Protein backbone atom coordinates (compact mmCIF):
# COMPACT_ATOMS: atom_id res chain seq x y z
CA MET A 1 -75.04 -11.62 -0.78
CA PRO A 2 -72.99 -14.60 0.43
CA ALA A 3 -74.88 -17.86 0.49
CA ASP A 4 -73.70 -18.63 4.01
CA SER A 5 -75.54 -15.57 5.32
CA LEU A 6 -78.75 -17.42 4.50
CA SER A 7 -77.66 -20.59 6.24
CA PHE A 8 -79.92 -23.09 7.94
CA SER A 9 -80.26 -22.64 11.70
CA GLU A 10 -81.60 -25.02 14.28
CA SER A 11 -82.30 -24.96 18.00
CA SER A 12 -81.07 -27.41 20.60
CA GLU A 13 -83.92 -29.58 19.38
CA PRO A 14 -82.84 -30.56 15.84
CA VAL A 15 -86.41 -30.95 14.58
CA LEU A 16 -87.23 -27.27 15.21
CA ALA A 17 -85.55 -25.06 12.60
CA CYS A 18 -85.87 -22.24 10.08
CA ALA A 19 -84.27 -21.35 6.75
CA VAL A 20 -84.46 -18.53 4.24
CA GLY A 21 -83.94 -18.37 0.49
CA LEU A 22 -83.52 -15.41 -1.84
CA SER A 23 -83.44 -14.57 -5.52
CA THR A 24 -83.06 -11.34 -7.46
CA ASP A 25 -83.74 -12.89 -10.87
CA PRO A 26 -85.72 -10.41 -13.02
CA ASP A 27 -88.12 -13.18 -14.07
CA LEU A 28 -90.55 -13.60 -11.15
CA SER A 29 -91.34 -17.26 -11.81
CA VAL A 30 -87.63 -18.06 -11.87
CA ALA A 31 -87.01 -15.95 -8.75
CA ILE A 32 -89.72 -17.76 -6.78
CA ALA A 33 -88.47 -21.19 -7.85
CA THR A 34 -84.88 -20.27 -6.97
CA ALA A 35 -85.75 -18.86 -3.55
CA VAL A 36 -87.96 -21.86 -2.75
CA ASP A 37 -85.25 -24.33 -3.79
CA MET A 38 -82.64 -22.54 -1.69
CA ALA A 39 -84.82 -22.48 1.42
CA HIS A 40 -85.91 -26.12 1.01
CA GLY A 41 -82.32 -27.17 0.39
CA LEU A 42 -81.31 -25.61 3.70
CA LEU A 43 -84.28 -26.82 5.75
CA LYS A 44 -84.27 -30.36 4.27
CA VAL A 45 -87.70 -31.21 5.73
CA ARG A 46 -91.25 -30.13 4.99
CA ALA A 47 -92.05 -26.72 6.44
CA ASP A 48 -94.96 -26.05 8.75
CA LEU A 49 -94.92 -22.34 7.87
CA ALA A 50 -93.74 -20.45 4.79
CA VAL A 51 -93.59 -16.65 4.60
CA VAL A 52 -93.01 -15.02 1.21
CA PHE A 53 -92.22 -11.39 0.38
CA VAL A 54 -92.10 -10.15 -3.23
CA SER A 55 -90.81 -6.73 -4.23
CA ALA A 56 -93.08 -4.41 -6.18
CA ALA A 57 -90.49 -4.15 -8.96
CA TYR A 58 -92.05 -7.22 -10.63
CA GLY A 59 -95.12 -5.16 -11.50
CA LEU A 60 -98.07 -6.76 -13.26
CA SER A 61 -96.63 -10.27 -13.07
CA ILE A 62 -97.05 -10.38 -9.30
CA ARG A 63 -100.74 -11.26 -8.98
CA ALA A 64 -100.66 -14.38 -11.15
CA ALA A 65 -97.44 -15.59 -9.52
CA MET A 66 -98.82 -15.07 -6.01
CA ASP A 67 -101.98 -16.98 -6.90
CA GLY A 68 -99.90 -20.09 -7.52
CA ILE A 69 -97.20 -19.63 -4.92
CA ALA A 70 -98.63 -22.18 -2.48
CA ASP A 71 -98.22 -24.85 -5.16
CA ALA A 72 -94.54 -23.96 -5.47
CA ILE A 73 -93.85 -24.28 -1.73
CA ASN A 74 -94.12 -27.54 0.15
CA ALA A 75 -95.49 -26.09 3.41
CA THR A 76 -98.57 -26.59 5.57
CA VAL A 77 -99.34 -22.85 5.82
CA VAL A 78 -98.21 -20.14 3.38
CA ILE A 79 -98.59 -16.40 3.89
CA GLY A 80 -97.08 -13.53 1.96
CA ALA A 81 -97.25 -9.93 0.79
CA THR A 82 -95.85 -7.53 -1.74
CA ALA A 83 -93.51 -4.78 -0.62
CA GLU A 84 -91.53 -1.78 -1.79
CA GLY A 85 -88.36 -3.58 -0.71
CA ILE A 86 -87.42 -6.74 1.14
CA LEU A 87 -84.63 -8.12 3.31
CA ALA A 88 -83.07 -11.57 3.61
CA GLY A 89 -80.26 -12.57 5.94
CA ASP A 90 -77.98 -9.57 6.40
CA THR A 91 -78.94 -7.75 3.19
CA GLU A 92 -81.69 -5.27 2.38
CA TYR A 93 -83.06 -4.86 -1.15
CA GLU A 94 -84.71 -1.44 -1.10
CA SER A 95 -85.39 -1.42 -4.84
CA GLY A 96 -85.23 -3.72 -7.82
CA PRO A 97 -86.54 -7.27 -8.20
CA ALA A 98 -86.18 -9.57 -5.18
CA VAL A 99 -88.05 -12.49 -3.62
CA THR A 100 -87.44 -14.04 -0.22
CA VAL A 101 -88.93 -17.28 1.10
CA TRP A 102 -88.70 -18.00 4.83
CA LEU A 103 -89.50 -21.51 6.05
CA GLY A 104 -90.12 -22.79 9.54
CA ARG A 105 -90.15 -26.38 10.73
CA LEU A 106 -92.19 -25.86 13.93
CA PRO A 107 -93.31 -29.24 15.31
CA SER A 108 -95.99 -29.17 18.02
CA ALA A 109 -96.74 -25.52 17.27
CA GLN A 110 -100.37 -24.63 16.72
CA ILE A 111 -100.68 -22.52 13.55
CA VAL A 112 -104.07 -21.19 12.45
CA PRO A 113 -104.15 -19.26 9.14
CA LEU A 114 -106.66 -16.46 8.69
CA SER A 115 -107.82 -13.82 6.24
CA LEU A 116 -109.79 -10.84 7.55
CA GLU A 117 -111.98 -8.22 5.90
CA TYR A 118 -113.32 -5.06 7.49
CA THR A 119 -116.91 -3.97 6.90
CA GLN A 120 -118.59 -0.84 8.21
CA THR A 121 -122.11 -1.58 9.48
CA PRO A 122 -124.79 0.61 11.11
CA ASP A 123 -123.71 -0.85 14.46
CA GLY A 124 -120.02 -0.18 13.86
CA GLY A 125 -117.06 -1.88 12.22
CA LEU A 126 -117.02 -5.64 11.72
CA PHE A 127 -113.99 -7.85 11.21
CA GLY A 128 -115.06 -10.92 9.30
CA GLY A 129 -113.14 -14.05 8.42
CA TRP A 130 -112.05 -15.40 11.79
CA PRO A 131 -111.67 -19.18 11.42
CA THR A 132 -113.80 -21.48 13.54
CA GLU A 133 -110.65 -22.88 15.18
CA LEU A 134 -110.32 -19.55 17.00
CA ALA A 135 -113.92 -19.40 18.23
CA GLY A 136 -112.94 -20.81 21.64
CA ASP A 137 -109.74 -20.55 23.62
CA TRP A 138 -106.67 -19.52 21.65
CA PRO A 139 -103.49 -21.60 21.84
CA LYS A 140 -101.17 -21.24 24.79
CA ASN A 141 -98.48 -18.56 24.13
CA ALA A 142 -100.62 -17.27 21.25
CA ALA A 143 -99.41 -14.41 19.07
CA LEU A 144 -100.91 -12.91 15.94
CA LEU A 145 -98.63 -12.41 12.93
CA LEU A 146 -100.42 -9.95 10.61
CA LEU A 147 -99.86 -8.63 7.06
CA ALA A 148 -102.39 -5.94 6.14
CA ASP A 149 -103.37 -3.70 3.25
CA PRO A 150 -103.02 -0.05 4.34
CA PHE A 151 -105.88 1.20 2.15
CA SER A 152 -108.65 -1.14 3.29
CA PHE A 153 -107.82 -2.50 6.71
CA PRO A 154 -107.92 -0.36 9.90
CA VAL A 155 -105.24 -1.97 12.06
CA ASP A 156 -105.87 0.47 14.92
CA ALA A 157 -109.48 -0.71 15.11
CA LEU A 158 -108.40 -4.36 15.09
CA ILE A 159 -105.96 -3.64 17.91
CA ARG A 160 -108.78 -2.14 19.99
CA ARG A 161 -110.96 -5.18 19.29
CA MET A 162 -108.14 -7.54 20.25
CA GLU A 163 -107.65 -5.63 23.53
CA GLU A 164 -111.26 -6.49 24.39
CA ASP A 165 -111.41 -10.06 23.09
CA HIS A 166 -107.85 -11.35 23.57
CA PRO A 167 -105.93 -9.05 25.94
CA GLY A 168 -102.25 -9.83 26.24
CA VAL A 169 -101.91 -11.49 22.81
CA PRO A 170 -99.05 -9.72 20.98
CA ILE A 171 -99.59 -8.64 17.38
CA VAL A 172 -96.51 -8.33 15.16
CA GLY A 173 -96.45 -7.52 11.46
CA GLY A 174 -96.56 -4.82 8.85
CA MET A 175 -98.62 -2.97 6.28
CA ALA A 176 -98.00 -4.06 2.69
CA SER A 177 -96.07 -1.45 0.72
CA GLY A 178 -96.09 -2.87 -2.79
CA GLY A 179 -98.56 -0.33 -4.15
CA HIS A 180 -99.53 3.30 -3.71
CA GLN A 181 -103.27 3.11 -4.34
CA PRO A 182 -106.21 0.90 -3.33
CA GLY A 183 -106.08 -2.55 -4.90
CA SER A 184 -102.38 -2.38 -5.75
CA ASN A 185 -101.09 -4.65 -2.97
CA THR A 186 -101.26 -8.43 -3.00
CA LEU A 187 -101.68 -10.57 0.12
CA VAL A 188 -101.53 -14.37 0.12
CA ILE A 189 -102.82 -17.01 2.47
CA ASN A 190 -102.29 -20.56 1.22
CA SER A 191 -103.85 -20.81 -2.27
CA ARG A 192 -105.85 -17.55 -2.04
CA SER A 193 -104.70 -14.04 -2.86
CA TYR A 194 -106.34 -10.72 -1.96
CA ASP A 195 -105.91 -7.05 -2.74
CA THR A 196 -107.79 -5.88 0.39
CA GLY A 197 -108.01 -6.84 4.04
CA ALA A 198 -105.36 -8.70 6.00
CA VAL A 199 -103.84 -12.16 6.22
CA GLY A 200 -101.91 -13.80 8.98
CA ILE A 201 -101.55 -16.61 11.44
CA VAL A 202 -102.25 -17.18 15.09
CA ILE A 203 -99.36 -19.23 16.41
CA GLY A 204 -98.77 -20.77 19.81
CA GLY A 205 -98.20 -24.05 21.57
CA ALA A 206 -94.61 -25.23 21.43
CA VAL A 207 -93.37 -22.09 19.64
CA ARG A 208 -93.47 -18.54 20.99
CA ILE A 209 -93.05 -15.26 19.13
CA ARG A 210 -91.00 -12.76 21.11
CA PRO A 211 -91.52 -9.20 19.81
CA VAL A 212 -88.71 -6.67 19.64
CA VAL A 213 -89.97 -3.20 18.74
CA SER A 214 -87.44 -0.43 18.10
CA GLN A 215 -88.97 3.02 17.58
CA GLY A 216 -85.58 4.55 16.86
CA CYS A 217 -85.81 7.39 19.36
CA ARG A 218 -84.04 8.43 22.54
CA PRO A 219 -85.47 10.46 25.40
CA ILE A 220 -84.49 14.00 26.34
CA GLY A 221 -85.31 15.77 29.56
CA ARG A 222 -87.25 13.82 32.17
CA PRO A 223 -90.68 12.17 32.38
CA MET A 224 -93.54 14.57 33.19
CA VAL A 225 -97.24 14.21 33.89
CA ILE A 226 -99.86 15.83 31.67
CA THR A 227 -101.97 18.03 33.94
CA LYS A 228 -104.23 19.31 31.16
CA ALA A 229 -104.97 17.86 27.73
CA ASP A 230 -107.46 18.46 24.94
CA GLU A 231 -107.82 15.62 22.41
CA ASN A 232 -104.43 15.50 20.63
CA SER A 233 -103.05 18.58 22.39
CA ILE A 234 -100.92 18.76 25.52
CA VAL A 235 -101.94 21.96 27.26
CA GLU A 236 -100.04 21.68 30.54
CA LEU A 237 -97.19 19.58 31.93
CA GLY A 238 -96.75 19.58 35.68
CA GLY A 239 -99.11 22.54 36.01
CA ARG A 240 -97.30 24.76 33.53
CA PRO A 241 -97.76 25.37 29.77
CA ALA A 242 -96.37 22.44 27.80
CA LEU A 243 -94.25 24.60 25.49
CA GLU A 244 -92.70 26.33 28.51
CA ARG A 245 -91.58 22.94 29.83
CA LEU A 246 -90.11 22.07 26.44
CA ARG A 247 -88.18 25.36 26.35
CA GLU A 248 -86.65 24.50 29.71
CA ILE A 249 -85.40 21.18 28.33
CA TYR A 250 -84.20 22.84 25.11
CA GLY A 251 -82.05 25.28 27.11
CA LEU A 252 -80.11 22.40 28.69
CA LEU A 253 -79.32 20.57 25.44
CA ASP A 254 -76.16 20.67 23.35
CA PRO A 255 -76.31 22.25 19.86
CA ALA A 256 -76.74 18.90 18.07
CA ASP A 257 -79.74 17.92 20.18
CA ARG A 258 -81.25 21.38 19.81
CA GLN A 259 -81.19 20.86 16.06
CA LEU A 260 -82.94 17.52 16.49
CA VAL A 261 -85.65 19.18 18.59
CA ARG A 262 -86.24 21.59 15.72
CA SER A 263 -86.31 18.88 13.05
CA SER A 264 -87.48 15.61 14.64
CA LEU A 265 -89.23 16.13 17.96
CA HIS A 266 -91.51 13.41 19.32
CA VAL A 267 -93.52 12.71 22.43
CA GLY A 268 -93.28 9.37 24.19
CA ARG A 269 -96.38 8.32 26.11
CA ALA A 270 -95.75 5.80 28.91
CA ALA A 271 -97.05 2.37 27.91
CA SER A 272 -97.79 1.67 31.59
CA GLU A 273 -98.34 4.12 34.42
CA TYR A 274 -97.76 1.41 37.01
CA GLN A 275 -94.01 1.88 37.39
CA ASN A 276 -91.74 4.28 39.23
CA HIS A 277 -88.87 4.40 36.75
CA PHE A 278 -88.96 4.60 32.97
CA LYS A 279 -86.34 3.44 30.49
CA ARG A 280 -85.84 3.07 26.75
CA GLY A 281 -88.72 1.09 25.26
CA ASP A 282 -91.24 2.08 27.95
CA PHE A 283 -92.84 4.81 25.80
CA LEU A 284 -95.10 4.75 22.75
CA VAL A 285 -93.55 7.42 20.52
CA ARG A 286 -95.67 9.78 18.41
CA ASN A 287 -94.80 12.79 16.23
CA VAL A 288 -95.12 16.37 17.47
CA VAL A 289 -97.21 18.00 14.74
CA GLY A 290 -97.18 21.59 15.94
CA ALA A 291 -96.99 24.10 18.79
CA ASP A 292 -98.68 27.42 19.56
CA PRO A 293 -96.23 29.97 21.04
CA GLU A 294 -99.08 32.12 22.41
CA SER A 295 -101.03 29.44 24.29
CA GLY A 296 -98.07 27.13 24.94
CA VAL A 297 -99.99 24.11 23.62
CA ILE A 298 -98.15 21.24 21.87
CA ALA A 299 -100.08 19.15 19.35
CA VAL A 300 -99.25 15.44 18.99
CA GLY A 301 -100.20 12.85 16.37
CA ASP A 302 -102.31 10.86 18.84
CA LEU A 303 -104.87 11.39 21.57
CA MET A 304 -103.48 12.66 24.86
CA ARG A 305 -105.17 12.59 28.25
CA THR A 306 -104.71 14.21 31.61
CA GLY A 307 -102.71 12.06 34.02
CA GLN A 308 -100.52 10.38 31.40
CA THR A 309 -96.76 10.33 31.85
CA ILE A 310 -94.84 11.59 28.81
CA GLN A 311 -91.25 12.28 27.88
CA PHE A 312 -89.93 14.18 24.87
CA HIS A 313 -87.84 12.18 22.39
CA VAL A 314 -85.71 12.87 19.32
CA ARG A 315 -84.81 10.65 16.39
CA ASP A 316 -81.79 10.49 14.11
CA SER A 317 -79.72 7.69 12.58
CA GLN A 318 -77.50 7.35 15.64
CA SER A 319 -80.47 7.19 18.00
CA ALA A 320 -82.15 4.62 15.77
CA HIS A 321 -78.99 2.48 15.71
CA GLU A 322 -78.49 2.66 19.47
CA ASP A 323 -82.13 1.82 20.17
CA LEU A 324 -82.24 -1.27 17.95
CA HIS A 325 -78.81 -2.47 19.07
CA GLU A 326 -79.66 -2.08 22.76
CA LEU A 327 -83.03 -3.85 22.48
CA LEU A 328 -81.55 -6.77 20.54
CA SER A 329 -78.62 -7.01 22.94
CA GLN A 330 -81.03 -7.14 25.88
CA THR A 331 -82.84 -9.98 24.14
CA LYS A 332 -79.55 -11.82 23.57
CA SER A 333 -78.73 -11.58 27.27
CA ARG A 334 -82.05 -13.08 28.33
CA LEU A 335 -82.34 -16.22 26.23
CA PRO A 336 -80.51 -18.52 23.80
CA ALA A 337 -80.39 -17.48 20.16
CA PRO A 338 -83.82 -17.63 18.52
CA ILE A 339 -84.35 -20.05 15.64
CA GLY A 340 -85.58 -17.47 13.15
CA ALA A 341 -86.87 -13.94 12.69
CA LEU A 342 -89.32 -11.96 10.58
CA VAL A 343 -88.55 -8.25 10.28
CA PHE A 344 -90.99 -5.44 9.50
CA THR A 345 -89.04 -2.22 9.11
CA CYS A 346 -90.39 1.15 8.03
CA ASN A 347 -89.82 2.22 4.44
CA GLY A 348 -88.55 5.47 5.95
CA ARG A 349 -85.59 3.60 7.41
CA GLY A 350 -82.95 1.89 5.23
CA THR A 351 -80.79 4.38 3.35
CA ARG A 352 -83.48 7.04 3.85
CA LEU A 353 -82.42 7.17 7.51
CA PHE A 354 -78.98 5.54 7.78
CA ASP A 355 -75.79 6.54 6.01
CA ALA A 356 -75.01 2.93 5.03
CA ALA A 357 -77.27 0.27 3.51
CA HIS A 358 -78.52 -2.92 5.23
CA HIS A 359 -78.58 -1.40 8.71
CA ASP A 360 -81.47 -3.26 10.36
CA ALA A 361 -80.67 -6.59 8.71
CA GLN A 362 -77.02 -6.41 9.71
CA CYS A 363 -77.76 -5.22 13.24
CA LEU A 364 -80.01 -8.25 13.77
CA GLN A 365 -77.30 -10.61 12.56
CA GLU A 366 -74.56 -8.92 14.60
CA CYS A 367 -76.59 -9.08 17.82
CA LEU A 368 -78.38 -12.44 17.46
CA GLY A 369 -76.97 -14.18 14.40
CA PRO A 370 -76.41 -16.14 12.43
CA ILE A 371 -80.20 -16.35 12.25
CA PRO A 372 -82.49 -17.08 9.27
CA ALA A 373 -84.32 -13.77 8.82
CA ALA A 374 -86.62 -12.33 6.19
CA GLY A 375 -88.77 -9.24 6.07
CA PHE A 376 -89.90 -6.20 4.18
CA PHE A 377 -90.03 -2.41 4.22
CA ALA A 378 -93.52 -1.63 5.48
CA GLN A 379 -95.94 1.26 5.21
CA GLY A 380 -96.63 0.91 8.93
CA GLU A 381 -95.30 -1.53 11.50
CA ILE A 382 -97.24 -3.43 14.14
CA GLY A 383 -95.82 -4.44 17.50
CA PRO A 384 -96.36 -4.11 21.25
CA ILE A 385 -94.91 -1.49 23.56
CA GLY A 386 -95.13 -2.97 27.01
CA GLN A 387 -98.31 -5.02 26.93
CA ARG A 388 -100.11 -2.77 24.44
CA ASN A 389 -100.18 -3.47 20.71
CA CYS A 390 -99.63 -0.41 18.51
CA LEU A 391 -99.34 0.70 14.89
CA HIS A 392 -96.04 2.54 14.38
CA GLY A 393 -94.04 4.56 11.88
CA PHE A 394 -90.23 4.73 11.46
CA THR A 395 -90.02 1.55 13.54
CA ALA A 396 -88.41 -1.86 13.22
CA SER A 397 -90.80 -4.49 14.56
CA ILE A 398 -89.23 -7.96 14.78
CA ALA A 399 -90.86 -11.33 15.47
CA LEU A 400 -88.32 -13.70 17.01
CA PHE A 401 -89.31 -17.37 16.91
CA GLU A 402 -88.25 -19.41 19.91
CA PRO A 403 -89.19 -22.67 21.64
CA ALA A 404 -91.88 -21.96 24.21
CA SER A 405 -89.81 -23.69 26.87
CA GLN A 406 -87.22 -20.89 26.63
CA GLY A 407 -87.52 -17.30 27.77
CA THR A 408 -90.58 -17.54 29.97
CA ASP A 409 -90.46 -13.86 30.99
């Protein structure tokens, strides 16, 4: 990729800036050194935060290299993870060796590194490892940036705990995708590496993370209220069998959308019931996993409850493009360009969803760039819908870094 696509970017305050470096050298030690040198050469000052993503193609050499990666990077806090594929700037590397190093010079930001482990006890699940700095009040504008192992860390349970302990704090991140069995992923926080649990940072103060979460779907039909539900099943919508309501919508669709209903139907559950009108991004989207023609019940990949507002959705490459482009364009219209971005996109996106490569990376640059961006293809993406944090699939969850003085909405 062109070197200028990884260029240094700064805000109106020249001391607040980000940069990203990349290497695809097949030797991991060389790749790390090259990516670090590129990022440092662009940033030109010591970084407060470094985020490193290493593709799984490096195999057995990863663990030793990740153990020493903090020594190779001149940064106050270092976090990182292994992934099936990574992205840097406007390019996505879905396979093959690649390393990206993202650096942030974030003066006056409060950054607290953490590593968490989950333990099941007789009294329930316990999340251990919270640093003492977070025992009291969290920083102003706090957000949690989280990288987690999918085999050992229940993100849904952490989200529920955070809703109780720190409501309103957004969580953005992704599940490591560098391995396909327990113990095969590597997570890094400063000089420590782990193959279980989660690592991350709580960040606030002078820097805010603005989440952009694109679920890649578009609505069909109209919003309806569940009048009868049973666990993950929608029994009735508006007093009539759920499948009957879906058939009504199906009959009004064009042939292309009818095909999408047959192949990629989803249910969007309203993130907030306290609104009269719903638009794109107001629904938490979940898969439809089945339907019973006799009873008219529709089964969904999440718990449903009576009284919730839902709307049917479909997903294809065009819907996914439109959704991400619209959400990023809305962000562009509300605030000056962010100083940097971290991208957590599903490993079911990329060329598995889009006809052309580099879609999400290029869409970000076209809408908000040039912006130093790095990320990886995740095995699950974390980000808020409305004010509620969620674990997603087939989603692009983006953390935009901005000065806290901007974009106060």
